[in-house]
mmCIF file of all heavy atoms, coordinates in Angstrom:
data_MODEL
# 
_entry.id   MODEL 
# 
loop_
_atom_site.group_PDB 
_atom_site.id 
_atom_site.type_symbol 
_atom_site.label_atom_id 
_atom_site.label_alt_id 
_atom_site.label_comp_id 
_atom_site.label_asym_id 
_atom_site.label_entity_id 
_atom_site.label_seq_id 
_atom_site.pdbx_PDB_ins_code 
_atom_site.Cartn_x 
_atom_site.Cartn_y 
_atom_site.Cartn_z 
_atom_site.occupancy 
_atom_site.B_iso_or_equiv 
_atom_site.pdbx_formal_charge 
_atom_site.auth_seq_id 
_atom_site.auth_comp_id 
_atom_site.auth_asym_id 
_atom_site.auth_atom_id 
_atom_site.pdbx_PDB_model_num 
ATOM 1   N N   . LEU A 1 1  ? 29.120 8.234  -83.484 1.00 0.00 ? 1  LEU A N   1 
ATOM 2   C CA  . LEU A 1 1  ? 29.544 8.958  -84.695 1.00 0.00 ? 1  LEU A CA  1 
ATOM 3   C C   . LEU A 1 1  ? 31.025 8.719  -85.040 1.00 0.00 ? 1  LEU A C   1 
ATOM 4   O O   . LEU A 1 1  ? 31.414 8.790  -86.239 1.00 0.00 ? 1  LEU A O   1 
ATOM 5   C CB  . LEU A 1 1  ? 29.310 10.441 -84.489 1.00 0.00 ? 1  LEU A CB  1 
ATOM 6   C CG  . LEU A 1 1  ? 27.838 10.909 -84.328 1.00 0.00 ? 1  LEU A CG  1 
ATOM 7   C CD1 . LEU A 1 1  ? 27.731 12.406 -84.063 1.00 0.00 ? 1  LEU A CD1 1 
ATOM 8   C CD2 . LEU A 1 1  ? 27.027 10.507 -85.528 1.00 0.00 ? 1  LEU A CD2 1 
ATOM 9   N N   . SER A 1 2  ? 31.804 8.357  -84.052 1.00 0.00 ? 2  SER A N   1 
ATOM 10  C CA  . SER A 1 2  ? 33.200 8.027  -84.282 1.00 0.00 ? 2  SER A CA  1 
ATOM 11  C C   . SER A 1 2  ? 33.414 6.643  -84.825 1.00 0.00 ? 2  SER A C   1 
ATOM 12  O O   . SER A 1 2  ? 34.568 6.299  -85.141 1.00 0.00 ? 2  SER A O   1 
ATOM 13  C CB  . SER A 1 2  ? 34.020 8.307  -83.038 1.00 0.00 ? 2  SER A CB  1 
ATOM 14  O OG  . SER A 1 2  ? 33.872 9.630  -82.544 1.00 0.00 ? 2  SER A OG  1 
ATOM 15  N N   . GLY A 1 3  ? 32.401 5.882  -84.755 1.00 0.00 ? 3  GLY A N   1 
ATOM 16  C CA  . GLY A 1 3  ? 32.510 4.488  -85.262 1.00 0.00 ? 3  GLY A CA  1 
ATOM 17  C C   . GLY A 1 3  ? 32.992 3.475  -84.243 1.00 0.00 ? 3  GLY A C   1 
ATOM 18  O O   . GLY A 1 3  ? 33.247 2.308  -84.585 1.00 0.00 ? 3  GLY A O   1 
ATOM 19  N N   . PHE A 1 4  ? 33.079 3.920  -82.968 1.00 0.00 ? 4  PHE A N   1 
ATOM 20  C CA  . PHE A 1 4  ? 33.556 2.986  -81.909 1.00 0.00 ? 4  PHE A CA  1 
ATOM 21  C C   . PHE A 1 4  ? 32.391 2.126  -81.332 1.00 0.00 ? 4  PHE A C   1 
ATOM 22  O O   . PHE A 1 4  ? 32.631 1.148  -80.632 1.00 0.00 ? 4  PHE A O   1 
ATOM 23  C CB  . PHE A 1 4  ? 34.226 3.788  -80.807 1.00 0.00 ? 4  PHE A CB  1 
ATOM 24  C CG  . PHE A 1 4  ? 35.496 4.407  -81.227 1.00 0.00 ? 4  PHE A CG  1 
ATOM 25  C CD1 . PHE A 1 4  ? 35.615 5.840  -81.147 1.00 0.00 ? 4  PHE A CD1 1 
ATOM 26  C CD2 . PHE A 1 4  ? 36.535 3.724  -81.746 1.00 0.00 ? 4  PHE A CD2 1 
ATOM 27  C CE1 . PHE A 1 4  ? 36.802 6.448  -81.560 1.00 0.00 ? 4  PHE A CE1 1 
ATOM 28  C CE2 . PHE A 1 4  ? 37.750 4.328  -82.139 1.00 0.00 ? 4  PHE A CE2 1 
ATOM 29  C CZ  . PHE A 1 4  ? 37.841 5.688  -82.062 1.00 0.00 ? 4  PHE A CZ  1 
ATOM 30  N N   . VAL A 1 5  ? 31.176 2.553  -81.632 1.00 0.00 ? 5  VAL A N   1 
ATOM 31  C CA  . VAL A 1 5  ? 29.991 1.795  -81.128 1.00 0.00 ? 5  VAL A CA  1 
ATOM 32  C C   . VAL A 1 5  ? 29.068 1.608  -82.319 1.00 0.00 ? 5  VAL A C   1 
ATOM 33  O O   . VAL A 1 5  ? 28.805 2.580  -83.134 1.00 0.00 ? 5  VAL A O   1 
ATOM 34  C CB  . VAL A 1 5  ? 29.256 2.598  -80.036 1.00 0.00 ? 5  VAL A CB  1 
ATOM 35  C CG1 . VAL A 1 5  ? 27.875 1.990  -79.798 1.00 0.00 ? 5  VAL A CG1 1 
ATOM 36  C CG2 . VAL A 1 5  ? 30.029 2.531  -78.720 1.00 0.00 ? 5  VAL A CG2 1 
ATOM 37  N N   . GLN A 1 6  ? 28.503 0.423  -82.439 1.00 0.00 ? 6  GLN A N   1 
ATOM 38  C CA  . GLN A 1 6  ? 27.563 0.121  -83.510 1.00 0.00 ? 6  GLN A CA  1 
ATOM 39  C C   . GLN A 1 6  ? 26.293 -0.386 -82.778 1.00 0.00 ? 6  GLN A C   1 
ATOM 40  O O   . GLN A 1 6  ? 26.297 -1.235 -81.943 1.00 0.00 ? 6  GLN A O   1 
ATOM 41  C CB  . GLN A 1 6  ? 28.114 -0.963 -84.390 1.00 0.00 ? 6  GLN A CB  1 
ATOM 42  C CG  . GLN A 1 6  ? 27.156 -1.322 -85.516 1.00 0.00 ? 6  GLN A CG  1 
ATOM 43  C CD  . GLN A 1 6  ? 27.764 -2.355 -86.465 1.00 0.00 ? 6  GLN A CD  1 
ATOM 44  O OE1 . GLN A 1 6  ? 28.946 -2.652 -86.372 1.00 0.00 ? 6  GLN A OE1 1 
ATOM 45  N NE2 . GLN A 1 6  ? 26.932 -2.974 -87.344 1.00 0.00 ? 6  GLN A NE2 1 
ATOM 46  N N   . ILE A 1 7  ? 25.143 0.192  -83.258 1.00 0.00 ? 7  ILE A N   1 
ATOM 47  C CA  . ILE A 1 7  ? 23.842 -0.270 -82.749 1.00 0.00 ? 7  ILE A CA  1 
ATOM 48  C C   . ILE A 1 7  ? 23.404 -1.534 -83.428 1.00 0.00 ? 7  ILE A C   1 
ATOM 49  O O   . ILE A 1 7  ? 23.358 -1.626 -84.679 1.00 0.00 ? 7  ILE A O   1 
ATOM 50  C CB  . ILE A 1 7  ? 22.813 0.835  -82.922 1.00 0.00 ? 7  ILE A CB  1 
ATOM 51  C CG1 . ILE A 1 7  ? 23.107 2.060  -82.093 1.00 0.00 ? 7  ILE A CG1 1 
ATOM 52  C CG2 . ILE A 1 7  ? 21.387 0.276  -82.486 1.00 0.00 ? 7  ILE A CG2 1 
ATOM 53  C CD1 . ILE A 1 7  ? 22.170 3.246  -82.315 1.00 0.00 ? 7  ILE A CD1 1 
ATOM 54  N N   . THR A 1 8  ? 23.196 -2.601 -82.671 1.00 0.00 ? 8  THR A N   1 
ATOM 55  C CA  . THR A 1 8  ? 22.792 -3.837 -83.265 1.00 0.00 ? 8  THR A CA  1 
ATOM 56  C C   . THR A 1 8  ? 21.297 -4.143 -83.181 1.00 0.00 ? 8  THR A C   1 
ATOM 57  O O   . THR A 1 8  ? 20.793 -4.923 -83.933 1.00 0.00 ? 8  THR A O   1 
ATOM 58  C CB  . THR A 1 8  ? 23.597 -5.058 -82.599 1.00 0.00 ? 8  THR A CB  1 
ATOM 59  O OG1 . THR A 1 8  ? 23.251 -4.981 -81.165 1.00 0.00 ? 8  THR A OG1 1 
ATOM 60  C CG2 . THR A 1 8  ? 25.004 -4.916 -82.792 1.00 0.00 ? 8  THR A CG2 1 
ATOM 61  N N   . ALA A 1 9  ? 20.626 -3.467 -82.212 1.00 0.00 ? 9  ALA A N   1 
ATOM 62  C CA  . ALA A 1 9  ? 19.137 -3.657 -82.100 1.00 0.00 ? 9  ALA A CA  1 
ATOM 63  C C   . ALA A 1 9  ? 18.581 -2.573 -81.211 1.00 0.00 ? 9  ALA A C   1 
ATOM 64  O O   . ALA A 1 9  ? 19.313 -2.009 -80.384 1.00 0.00 ? 9  ALA A O   1 
ATOM 65  C CB  . ALA A 1 9  ? 18.872 -4.994 -81.475 1.00 0.00 ? 9  ALA A CB  1 
ATOM 66  N N   . VAL A 1 10 ? 17.332 -2.263 -81.472 1.00 0.00 ? 10 VAL A N   1 
ATOM 67  C CA  . VAL A 1 10 ? 16.606 -1.306 -80.662 1.00 0.00 ? 10 VAL A CA  1 
ATOM 68  C C   . VAL A 1 10 ? 15.285 -1.991 -80.197 1.00 0.00 ? 10 VAL A C   1 
ATOM 69  O O   . VAL A 1 10 ? 14.515 -2.445 -81.028 1.00 0.00 ? 10 VAL A O   1 
ATOM 70  C CB  . VAL A 1 10 ? 16.274 0.022  -81.419 1.00 0.00 ? 10 VAL A CB  1 
ATOM 71  C CG1 . VAL A 1 10 ? 15.454 0.919  -80.509 1.00 0.00 ? 10 VAL A CG1 1 
ATOM 72  C CG2 . VAL A 1 10 ? 17.564 0.661  -81.834 1.00 0.00 ? 10 VAL A CG2 1 
ATOM 73  N N   . ASN A 1 11 ? 15.077 -2.081 -78.887 1.00 0.00 ? 11 ASN A N   1 
ATOM 74  C CA  . ASN A 1 11 ? 13.972 -2.890 -78.366 1.00 0.00 ? 11 ASN A CA  1 
ATOM 75  C C   . ASN A 1 11 ? 13.053 -1.952 -77.511 1.00 0.00 ? 11 ASN A C   1 
ATOM 76  O O   . ASN A 1 11 ? 13.146 -1.932 -76.332 1.00 0.00 ? 11 ASN A O   1 
ATOM 77  C CB  . ASN A 1 11 ? 14.477 -4.050 -77.498 1.00 0.00 ? 11 ASN A CB  1 
ATOM 78  C CG  . ASN A 1 11 ? 15.429 -4.873 -78.275 1.00 0.00 ? 11 ASN A CG  1 
ATOM 79  O OD1 . ASN A 1 11 ? 14.982 -5.632 -79.196 1.00 0.00 ? 11 ASN A OD1 1 
ATOM 80  N ND2 . ASN A 1 11 ? 16.657 -4.916 -77.895 1.00 0.00 ? 11 ASN A ND2 1 
ATOM 81  N N   . LEU A 1 12 ? 12.177 -1.134 -78.224 1.00 0.00 ? 12 LEU A N   1 
ATOM 82  C CA  . LEU A 1 12 ? 11.330 -0.227 -77.484 1.00 0.00 ? 12 LEU A CA  1 
ATOM 83  C C   . LEU A 1 12 ? 10.297 -0.967 -76.608 1.00 0.00 ? 12 LEU A C   1 
ATOM 84  O O   . LEU A 1 12 ? 9.829  -0.481 -75.633 1.00 0.00 ? 12 LEU A O   1 
ATOM 85  C CB  . LEU A 1 12 ? 10.596 0.668  -78.490 1.00 0.00 ? 12 LEU A CB  1 
ATOM 86  C CG  . LEU A 1 12 ? 11.481 1.589  -79.335 1.00 0.00 ? 12 LEU A CG  1 
ATOM 87  C CD1 . LEU A 1 12 ? 10.621 2.440  -80.282 1.00 0.00 ? 12 LEU A CD1 1 
ATOM 88  C CD2 . LEU A 1 12 ? 12.318 2.498  -78.422 1.00 0.00 ? 12 LEU A CD2 1 
ATOM 89  N N   . GLY A 1 13 ? 10.069 -2.275 -76.955 1.00 0.00 ? 13 GLY A N   1 
ATOM 90  C CA  . GLY A 1 13 ? 9.130  -3.030 -76.232 1.00 0.00 ? 13 GLY A CA  1 
ATOM 91  C C   . GLY A 1 13 ? 9.613  -3.319 -74.761 1.00 0.00 ? 13 GLY A C   1 
ATOM 92  O O   . GLY A 1 13 ? 8.795  -3.691 -73.899 1.00 0.00 ? 13 GLY A O   1 
ATOM 93  N N   . TYR A 1 14 ? 10.952 -3.186 -74.585 1.00 0.00 ? 14 TYR A N   1 
ATOM 94  C CA  . TYR A 1 14 ? 11.491 -3.415 -73.219 1.00 0.00 ? 14 TYR A CA  1 
ATOM 95  C C   . TYR A 1 14 ? 10.968 -2.442 -72.189 1.00 0.00 ? 14 TYR A C   1 
ATOM 96  O O   . TYR A 1 14 ? 11.110 -2.665 -70.976 1.00 0.00 ? 14 TYR A O   1 
ATOM 97  C CB  . TYR A 1 14 ? 13.022 -3.435 -73.266 1.00 0.00 ? 14 TYR A CB  1 
ATOM 98  C CG  . TYR A 1 14 ? 13.625 -4.671 -73.876 1.00 0.00 ? 14 TYR A CG  1 
ATOM 99  C CD1 . TYR A 1 14 ? 15.038 -4.804 -74.112 1.00 0.00 ? 14 TYR A CD1 1 
ATOM 100 C CD2 . TYR A 1 14 ? 12.846 -5.809 -74.200 1.00 0.00 ? 14 TYR A CD2 1 
ATOM 101 C CE1 . TYR A 1 14 ? 15.563 -5.895 -74.662 1.00 0.00 ? 14 TYR A CE1 1 
ATOM 102 C CE2 . TYR A 1 14 ? 13.379 -6.944 -74.728 1.00 0.00 ? 14 TYR A CE2 1 
ATOM 103 C CZ  . TYR A 1 14 ? 14.743 -7.008 -74.935 1.00 0.00 ? 14 TYR A CZ  1 
ATOM 104 O OH  . TYR A 1 14 ? 15.282 -8.125 -75.470 1.00 0.00 ? 14 TYR A OH  1 
ATOM 105 N N   . PHE A 1 15 ? 10.410 -1.304 -72.639 1.00 0.00 ? 15 PHE A N   1 
ATOM 106 C CA  . PHE A 1 15 ? 9.883  -0.345 -71.705 1.00 0.00 ? 15 PHE A CA  1 
ATOM 107 C C   . PHE A 1 15 ? 8.750  -0.961 -70.859 1.00 0.00 ? 15 PHE A C   1 
ATOM 108 O O   . PHE A 1 15 ? 8.439  -0.472 -69.775 1.00 0.00 ? 15 PHE A O   1 
ATOM 109 C CB  . PHE A 1 15 ? 9.337  0.918  -72.389 1.00 0.00 ? 15 PHE A CB  1 
ATOM 110 C CG  . PHE A 1 15 ? 10.406 1.897  -72.722 1.00 0.00 ? 15 PHE A CG  1 
ATOM 111 C CD1 . PHE A 1 15 ? 10.816 2.178  -74.047 1.00 0.00 ? 15 PHE A CD1 1 
ATOM 112 C CD2 . PHE A 1 15 ? 11.140 2.567  -71.717 1.00 0.00 ? 15 PHE A CD2 1 
ATOM 113 C CE1 . PHE A 1 15 ? 11.800 3.076  -74.373 1.00 0.00 ? 15 PHE A CE1 1 
ATOM 114 C CE2 . PHE A 1 15 ? 12.112 3.488  -72.003 1.00 0.00 ? 15 PHE A CE2 1 
ATOM 115 C CZ  . PHE A 1 15 ? 12.458 3.724  -73.304 1.00 0.00 ? 15 PHE A CZ  1 
ATOM 116 N N   . THR A 1 16 ? 8.164  -2.055 -71.337 1.00 0.00 ? 16 THR A N   1 
ATOM 117 C CA  . THR A 1 16 ? 7.092  -2.681 -70.612 1.00 0.00 ? 16 THR A CA  1 
ATOM 118 C C   . THR A 1 16 ? 7.586  -3.851 -69.750 1.00 0.00 ? 16 THR A C   1 
ATOM 119 O O   . THR A 1 16 ? 6.788  -4.516 -69.008 1.00 0.00 ? 16 THR A O   1 
ATOM 120 C CB  . THR A 1 16 ? 6.026  -3.272 -71.593 1.00 0.00 ? 16 THR A CB  1 
ATOM 121 O OG1 . THR A 1 16 ? 6.595  -4.266 -72.416 1.00 0.00 ? 16 THR A OG1 1 
ATOM 122 C CG2 . THR A 1 16 ? 5.499  -2.103 -72.478 1.00 0.00 ? 16 THR A CG2 1 
ATOM 123 N N   . TYR A 1 17 ? 8.839  -4.143 -69.830 1.00 0.00 ? 17 TYR A N   1 
ATOM 124 C CA  . TYR A 1 17 ? 9.449  -5.270 -69.080 1.00 0.00 ? 17 TYR A CA  1 
ATOM 125 C C   . TYR A 1 17 ? 9.797  -4.818 -67.641 1.00 0.00 ? 17 TYR A C   1 
ATOM 126 O O   . TYR A 1 17 ? 10.362 -3.808 -67.388 1.00 0.00 ? 17 TYR A O   1 
ATOM 127 C CB  . TYR A 1 17 ? 10.753 -5.762 -69.750 1.00 0.00 ? 17 TYR A CB  1 
ATOM 128 C CG  . TYR A 1 17 ? 10.526 -6.675 -70.933 1.00 0.00 ? 17 TYR A CG  1 
ATOM 129 C CD1 . TYR A 1 17 ? 9.486  -6.509 -71.832 1.00 0.00 ? 17 TYR A CD1 1 
ATOM 130 C CD2 . TYR A 1 17 ? 11.392 -7.728 -71.179 1.00 0.00 ? 17 TYR A CD2 1 
ATOM 131 C CE1 . TYR A 1 17 ? 9.273  -7.296 -72.955 1.00 0.00 ? 17 TYR A CE1 1 
ATOM 132 C CE2 . TYR A 1 17 ? 11.249 -8.574 -72.254 1.00 0.00 ? 17 TYR A CE2 1 
ATOM 133 C CZ  . TYR A 1 17 ? 10.170 -8.329 -73.148 1.00 0.00 ? 17 TYR A CZ  1 
ATOM 134 O OH  . TYR A 1 17 ? 10.026 -9.148 -74.251 1.00 0.00 ? 17 TYR A OH  1 
ATOM 135 N N   . SER A 1 18 ? 9.377  -5.678 -66.726 1.00 0.00 ? 18 SER A N   1 
ATOM 136 C CA  . SER A 1 18 ? 9.624  -5.336 -65.309 1.00 0.00 ? 18 SER A CA  1 
ATOM 137 C C   . SER A 1 18 ? 11.077 -5.293 -64.969 1.00 0.00 ? 18 SER A C   1 
ATOM 138 O O   . SER A 1 18 ? 11.512 -4.490 -64.156 1.00 0.00 ? 18 SER A O   1 
ATOM 139 C CB  . SER A 1 18 ? 8.939  -6.363 -64.406 1.00 0.00 ? 18 SER A CB  1 
ATOM 140 O OG  . SER A 1 18 ? 9.417  -7.731 -64.629 1.00 0.00 ? 18 SER A OG  1 
ATOM 141 N N   . LEU A 1 19 ? 11.893 -6.111 -65.667 1.00 0.00 ? 19 LEU A N   1 
ATOM 142 C CA  . LEU A 1 19 ? 13.346 -6.125 -65.354 1.00 0.00 ? 19 LEU A CA  1 
ATOM 143 C C   . LEU A 1 19 ? 14.009 -4.759 -65.616 1.00 0.00 ? 19 LEU A C   1 
ATOM 144 O O   . LEU A 1 19 ? 14.954 -4.357 -64.907 1.00 0.00 ? 19 LEU A O   1 
ATOM 145 C CB  . LEU A 1 19 ? 14.065 -7.219 -66.203 1.00 0.00 ? 19 LEU A CB  1 
ATOM 146 C CG  . LEU A 1 19 ? 15.522 -7.433 -65.882 1.00 0.00 ? 19 LEU A CG  1 
ATOM 147 C CD1 . LEU A 1 19 ? 15.762 -7.801 -64.444 1.00 0.00 ? 19 LEU A CD1 1 
ATOM 148 C CD2 . LEU A 1 19 ? 16.099 -8.528 -66.805 1.00 0.00 ? 19 LEU A CD2 1 
ATOM 149 N N   . LEU A 1 20 ? 13.491 -4.007 -66.604 1.00 0.00 ? 20 LEU A N   1 
ATOM 150 C CA  . LEU A 1 20 ? 14.016 -2.703 -66.909 1.00 0.00 ? 20 LEU A CA  1 
ATOM 151 C C   . LEU A 1 20 ? 13.853 -1.790 -65.699 1.00 0.00 ? 20 LEU A C   1 
ATOM 152 O O   . LEU A 1 20 ? 14.730 -1.031 -65.284 1.00 0.00 ? 20 LEU A O   1 
ATOM 153 C CB  . LEU A 1 20 ? 13.285 -2.078 -68.137 1.00 0.00 ? 20 LEU A CB  1 
ATOM 154 C CG  . LEU A 1 20 ? 13.828 -0.759 -68.530 1.00 0.00 ? 20 LEU A CG  1 
ATOM 155 C CD1 . LEU A 1 20 ? 15.143 -0.857 -69.355 1.00 0.00 ? 20 LEU A CD1 1 
ATOM 156 C CD2 . LEU A 1 20 ? 12.758 -0.018 -69.434 1.00 0.00 ? 20 LEU A CD2 1 
ATOM 157 N N   . TRP A 1 21 ? 12.622 -1.841 -65.151 1.00 0.00 ? 21 TRP A N   1 
ATOM 158 C CA  . TRP A 1 21 ? 12.306 -0.929 -63.976 1.00 0.00 ? 21 TRP A CA  1 
ATOM 159 C C   . TRP A 1 21 ? 12.884 -1.467 -62.651 1.00 0.00 ? 21 TRP A C   1 
ATOM 160 O O   . TRP A 1 21 ? 13.123 -0.699 -61.748 1.00 0.00 ? 21 TRP A O   1 
ATOM 161 C CB  . TRP A 1 21 ? 10.780 -0.784 -63.912 1.00 0.00 ? 21 TRP A CB  1 
ATOM 162 C CG  . TRP A 1 21 ? 10.308 -0.251 -65.232 1.00 0.00 ? 21 TRP A CG  1 
ATOM 163 C CD1 . TRP A 1 21 ? 9.523  -0.903 -66.144 1.00 0.00 ? 21 TRP A CD1 1 
ATOM 164 C CD2 . TRP A 1 21 ? 10.576 1.030  -65.807 1.00 0.00 ? 21 TRP A CD2 1 
ATOM 165 N NE1 . TRP A 1 21 ? 9.295  -0.153 -67.278 1.00 0.00 ? 21 TRP A NE1 1 
ATOM 166 C CE2 . TRP A 1 21 ? 9.953  1.065  -67.091 1.00 0.00 ? 21 TRP A CE2 1 
ATOM 167 C CE3 . TRP A 1 21 ? 11.326 2.163  -65.392 1.00 0.00 ? 21 TRP A CE3 1 
ATOM 168 C CZ2 . TRP A 1 21 ? 10.031 2.183  -67.931 1.00 0.00 ? 21 TRP A CZ2 1 
ATOM 169 C CZ3 . TRP A 1 21 ? 11.431 3.249  -66.240 1.00 0.00 ? 21 TRP A CZ3 1 
ATOM 170 C CH2 . TRP A 1 21 ? 10.795 3.234  -67.500 1.00 0.00 ? 21 TRP A CH2 1 
ATOM 171 N N   . VAL A 1 22 ? 13.137 -2.753 -62.604 1.00 0.00 ? 22 VAL A N   1 
ATOM 172 C CA  . VAL A 1 22 ? 13.847 -3.319 -61.473 1.00 0.00 ? 22 VAL A CA  1 
ATOM 173 C C   . VAL A 1 22 ? 15.273 -2.722 -61.457 1.00 0.00 ? 22 VAL A C   1 
ATOM 174 O O   . VAL A 1 22 ? 15.854 -2.391 -60.436 1.00 0.00 ? 22 VAL A O   1 
ATOM 175 C CB  . VAL A 1 22 ? 13.904 -4.847 -61.551 1.00 0.00 ? 22 VAL A CB  1 
ATOM 176 C CG1 . VAL A 1 22 ? 14.938 -5.420 -60.556 1.00 0.00 ? 22 VAL A CG1 1 
ATOM 177 C CG2 . VAL A 1 22 ? 12.546 -5.431 -61.228 1.00 0.00 ? 22 VAL A CG2 1 
ATOM 178 N N   . GLY A 1 23 ? 15.874 -2.619 -62.683 1.00 0.00 ? 23 GLY A N   1 
ATOM 179 C CA  . GLY A 1 23 ? 17.122 -2.009 -62.797 1.00 0.00 ? 23 GLY A CA  1 
ATOM 180 C C   . GLY A 1 23 ? 17.147 -0.553 -62.285 1.00 0.00 ? 23 GLY A C   1 
ATOM 181 O O   . GLY A 1 23 ? 18.055 -0.151 -61.567 1.00 0.00 ? 23 GLY A O   1 
ATOM 182 N N   . LEU A 1 24 ? 16.085 0.169  -62.695 1.00 0.00 ? 24 LEU A N   1 
ATOM 183 C CA  . LEU A 1 24 ? 16.002 1.575  -62.247 1.00 0.00 ? 24 LEU A CA  1 
ATOM 184 C C   . LEU A 1 24 ? 15.874 1.655  -60.732 1.00 0.00 ? 24 LEU A C   1 
ATOM 185 O O   . LEU A 1 24 ? 16.554 2.495  -60.054 1.00 0.00 ? 24 LEU A O   1 
ATOM 186 C CB  . LEU A 1 24 ? 14.760 2.204  -62.875 1.00 0.00 ? 24 LEU A CB  1 
ATOM 187 C CG  . LEU A 1 24 ? 14.531 3.660  -62.430 1.00 0.00 ? 24 LEU A CG  1 
ATOM 188 C CD1 . LEU A 1 24 ? 15.679 4.573  -62.732 1.00 0.00 ? 24 LEU A CD1 1 
ATOM 189 C CD2 . LEU A 1 24 ? 13.215 4.212  -63.085 1.00 0.00 ? 24 LEU A CD2 1 
# 
């Protein structure tokens, strides 16, 4: 909201990627 971060992409499909859960 302060403008210090800008969202460039949202990838909801990554929830199915194994690398995401490897990170967890």
